[in-house]
Amino acid sequence: MTSHPQSSEELGPGMLDYLHTQIAEDERVLWAGATDVGSRLRRLWLLIPACLLMLFLCSFMSINNPGWLLLISVSVVLWGGLPVLIYRMQLNHLRHTLYAITDRRALILSVGKPKKTESYAPDKISFIRSVHRKDGRGDLYFARLEGTGTEGWRGYNHGFLYITDVEQVADLMRRTFPAAVVK
């Protein structure tokens, strides 16, 4: 098995070991990488002004209420803690996620607890679409997950999030799974 992963610092401890446990003996890893966590999390900065606005509105509306101090305290905990909670959850998830393309399938592996492997054989790859951000980074979508949510039917594109050299990885995937390009 040969692999061309990103630097081992980017992939984190145990990621490559877990990847190798998921690969068949005669399967070959063509690319392995992970989310550019710092760049992806910087996109959450808009959450902070939104939460500050909500904190201000809740505090302003609570002033004439007899229990205003309690309501303001709850608002501070809720609207101040929400961005921190979301940031920590995203950080933990993204730090433990590894992406790989083999000569047989695309993989999304979670090395957190519990460990989880999502495998996309060529017949499960619906399309191959890259969404560019800056500096060659971006998202690579190749599957559409569908299901029902609280508002009824929902579907969303799924794939590798905020990877470096997204267009090169997309080209590799197109060459590896040409039937998905035709779909």
Protein backbone atom coordinates (compact mmCIF):
# COMPACT_ATOMS: atom_id res chain seq x y z
CA MET A 1 0.00 0.00 0.00
CA THR A 2 1.44 3.38 -0.97
CA SER A 3 0.18 6.68 0.29
CA HIS A 4 0.81 10.34 -0.35
CA PRO A 5 -0.52 11.97 2.79
CA GLN A 6 -0.16 15.50 4.04
CA SER A 7 2.46 16.03 6.73
CA SER A 8 2.02 13.81 9.76
CA GLU A 9 1.59 16.91 11.97
CA GLU A 10 -1.50 17.87 9.94
CA LEU A 11 -2.96 14.39 10.17
CA GLY A 12 -2.58 14.08 13.92
CA PRO A 13 -1.63 11.17 16.11
CA GLY A 14 -3.12 7.82 15.26
CA MET A 15 -4.83 9.00 12.06
CA LEU A 16 -2.58 7.16 9.62
CA ASP A 17 -2.58 4.09 11.84
CA TYR A 18 -6.39 4.01 11.78
CA LEU A 19 -6.41 4.58 8.02
CA HIS A 20 -4.14 1.60 7.47
CA THR A 21 -6.48 -0.63 9.52
CA GLN A 22 -9.34 0.28 7.14
CA ILE A 23 -7.49 -0.50 3.90
CA ALA A 24 -7.61 -3.95 2.28
CA GLU A 25 -4.34 -5.74 1.60
CA ASP A 26 -4.47 -5.13 -2.16
CA GLU A 27 -5.96 -1.62 -1.93
CA ARG A 28 -3.74 1.40 -2.57
CA VAL A 29 -4.04 4.82 -0.89
CA LEU A 30 -3.70 7.55 -3.52
CA TRP A 31 -4.22 10.57 -1.24
CA ALA A 32 -4.84 11.23 2.44
CA GLY A 33 -5.46 14.54 4.13
CA ALA A 34 -7.40 16.44 6.73
CA THR A 35 -9.31 19.66 7.13
CA ASP A 36 -7.28 22.84 7.48
CA VAL A 37 -8.79 23.27 10.95
CA GLY A 38 -7.54 26.79 11.69
CA SER A 39 -8.81 28.22 8.43
CA ARG A 40 -12.14 26.43 8.68
CA LEU A 41 -12.77 27.63 12.24
CA ARG A 42 -11.94 31.24 11.34
CA ARG A 43 -15.15 31.15 9.31
CA LEU A 44 -17.08 30.93 12.60
CA TRP A 45 -16.18 34.52 13.52
CA LEU A 46 -19.59 35.72 12.29
CA LEU A 47 -21.15 33.76 15.12
CA ILE A 48 -19.63 36.13 17.69
CA PRO A 49 -21.33 39.38 16.51
CA ALA A 50 -24.62 37.51 16.08
CA CYS A 51 -24.46 36.20 19.66
CA LEU A 52 -23.43 39.63 20.98
CA LEU A 53 -26.43 41.17 19.23
CA MET A 54 -28.74 38.57 20.77
CA LEU A 55 -27.15 39.16 24.18
CA PHE A 56 -27.76 42.90 23.83
CA LEU A 57 -31.38 42.42 22.71
CA CYS A 58 -32.19 39.95 25.48
CA SER A 59 -30.58 42.20 28.08
CA PHE A 60 -32.38 45.30 26.78
CA MET A 61 -35.74 43.53 26.81
CA SER A 62 -35.14 42.22 30.36
CA ILE A 63 -34.43 45.57 32.04
CA ASN A 64 -38.07 46.34 32.96
CA ASN A 65 -38.70 42.80 34.17
CA PRO A 66 -38.68 42.23 37.97
CA GLY A 67 -36.15 39.39 37.60
CA TRP A 68 -33.96 41.33 35.17
CA LEU A 69 -30.67 40.43 36.82
CA LEU A 70 -31.40 36.71 36.55
CA LEU A 71 -32.56 37.05 32.93
CA ILE A 72 -29.45 39.02 31.99
CA SER A 73 -27.26 36.44 33.72
CA VAL A 74 -28.94 33.61 31.82
CA SER A 75 -28.54 35.58 28.56
CA VAL A 76 -24.84 36.08 29.22
CA VAL A 77 -24.33 32.38 29.90
CA LEU A 78 -26.41 31.31 26.89
CA TRP A 79 -25.28 33.80 24.25
CA GLY A 80 -21.72 34.02 25.57
CA GLY A 81 -21.33 30.26 25.90
CA LEU A 82 -22.92 29.29 22.59
CA PRO A 83 -20.01 30.42 20.36
CA VAL A 84 -17.52 28.75 22.70
CA LEU A 85 -19.50 25.50 22.66
CA ILE A 86 -19.88 25.47 18.88
CA TYR A 87 -16.19 26.30 18.39
CA ARG A 88 -15.06 23.50 20.75
CA MET A 89 -17.38 20.93 19.14
CA GLN A 90 -16.20 21.81 15.62
CA LEU A 91 -12.56 21.83 16.73
CA ASN A 92 -12.88 18.39 18.32
CA HIS A 93 -14.69 16.95 15.30
CA LEU A 94 -12.36 18.38 12.65
CA ARG A 95 -9.16 17.47 14.52
CA HIS A 96 -10.26 13.84 14.53
CA THR A 97 -11.38 13.57 10.89
CA LEU A 98 -9.23 12.12 8.10
CA TYR A 99 -10.03 11.92 4.40
CA ALA A 100 -8.59 9.47 1.92
CA ILE A 101 -8.90 8.39 -1.69
CA THR A 102 -7.89 4.87 -2.60
CA ASP A 103 -7.93 3.12 -5.93
CA ARG A 104 -11.34 1.67 -4.93
CA ARG A 105 -13.20 4.26 -2.84
CA ALA A 106 -13.28 7.57 -1.00
CA LEU A 107 -13.13 7.47 2.79
CA ILE A 108 -14.10 9.80 5.60
CA LEU A 109 -12.69 8.48 8.85
CA SER A 110 -13.32 9.73 12.36
CA VAL A 111 -10.59 8.73 14.78
CA GLY A 112 -12.42 10.19 17.78
CA LYS A 113 -14.58 8.22 20.14
CA PRO A 114 -16.26 6.27 18.72
CA LYS A 115 -14.17 5.56 15.65
CA LYS A 116 -16.19 5.63 12.46
CA THR A 117 -15.50 4.96 8.79
CA GLU A 118 -17.67 6.22 5.93
CA SER A 119 -16.82 4.41 2.70
CA TYR A 120 -17.93 5.63 -0.72
CA ALA A 121 -17.44 3.09 -3.49
CA PRO A 122 -17.72 4.39 -7.08
CA ASP A 123 -21.46 3.59 -7.20
CA LYS A 124 -22.00 5.78 -4.10
CA ILE A 125 -20.13 8.78 -5.57
CA SER A 126 -22.95 10.84 -7.08
CA PHE A 127 -20.88 13.70 -8.49
CA ILE A 128 -17.51 15.38 -7.98
CA ARG A 129 -17.66 19.11 -7.30
CA SER A 130 -15.01 21.33 -5.77
CA VAL A 131 -15.85 24.63 -4.08
CA HIS A 132 -12.82 26.90 -4.01
CA ARG A 133 -11.91 29.17 -1.17
CA LYS A 134 -8.67 31.14 -1.03
CA ASP A 135 -5.10 29.82 -1.32
CA GLY A 136 -6.18 26.67 -3.17
CA ARG A 137 -8.21 25.43 -0.21
CA GLY A 138 -11.81 24.40 -0.45
CA ASP A 139 -14.45 21.73 -0.08
CA LEU A 140 -14.74 18.65 -2.28
CA TYR A 141 -18.26 17.25 -2.46
CA PHE A 142 -19.06 13.87 -3.98
CA ALA A 143 -22.16 12.49 -2.26
CA ARG A 144 -25.61 13.76 -1.40
CA LEU A 145 -27.00 12.62 1.93
CA GLU A 146 -30.75 12.77 2.21
CA GLY A 147 -33.18 12.25 5.02
CA THR A 148 -35.93 13.86 6.97
CA GLY A 149 -35.46 16.59 9.51
CA THR A 150 -37.78 18.62 11.68
CA GLU A 151 -38.87 20.62 8.64
CA GLY A 152 -39.48 17.60 6.41
CA TRP A 153 -37.22 16.33 3.65
CA ARG A 154 -33.65 17.59 3.71
CA GLY A 155 -30.57 16.83 1.73
CA TYR A 156 -27.05 18.15 1.72
CA ASN A 157 -23.81 17.67 -0.15
CA HIS A 158 -21.18 15.65 1.67
CA GLY A 159 -17.44 15.21 1.23
CA PHE A 160 -14.05 16.55 2.27
CA LEU A 161 -14.19 19.90 4.09
CA TYR A 162 -11.64 22.71 3.67
CA ILE A 163 -8.76 20.68 2.31
CA THR A 164 -5.60 22.11 0.80
CA ASP A 165 -5.06 21.84 -2.97
CA VAL A 166 -8.75 21.07 -3.49
CA GLU A 167 -8.57 21.20 -7.29
CA GLN A 168 -5.67 18.72 -7.44
CA VAL A 169 -7.56 16.33 -5.15
CA ALA A 170 -10.72 16.79 -7.26
CA ASP A 171 -8.74 15.97 -10.42
CA LEU A 172 -7.34 12.85 -8.76
CA MET A 173 -10.84 11.79 -7.80
CA ARG A 174 -12.15 12.43 -11.32
CA ARG A 175 -9.37 10.30 -12.81
CA THR A 176 -9.89 7.56 -10.23
CA PHE A 177 -13.70 7.45 -10.51
CA PRO A 178 -14.51 8.56 -14.10
CA ALA A 179 -18.07 7.17 -13.96
CA ALA A 180 -18.97 9.77 -11.31
CA VAL A 181 -17.97 12.58 -13.67
CA VAL A 182 -20.46 11.35 -16.27
CA LYS A 183 -23.40 11.18 -13.82
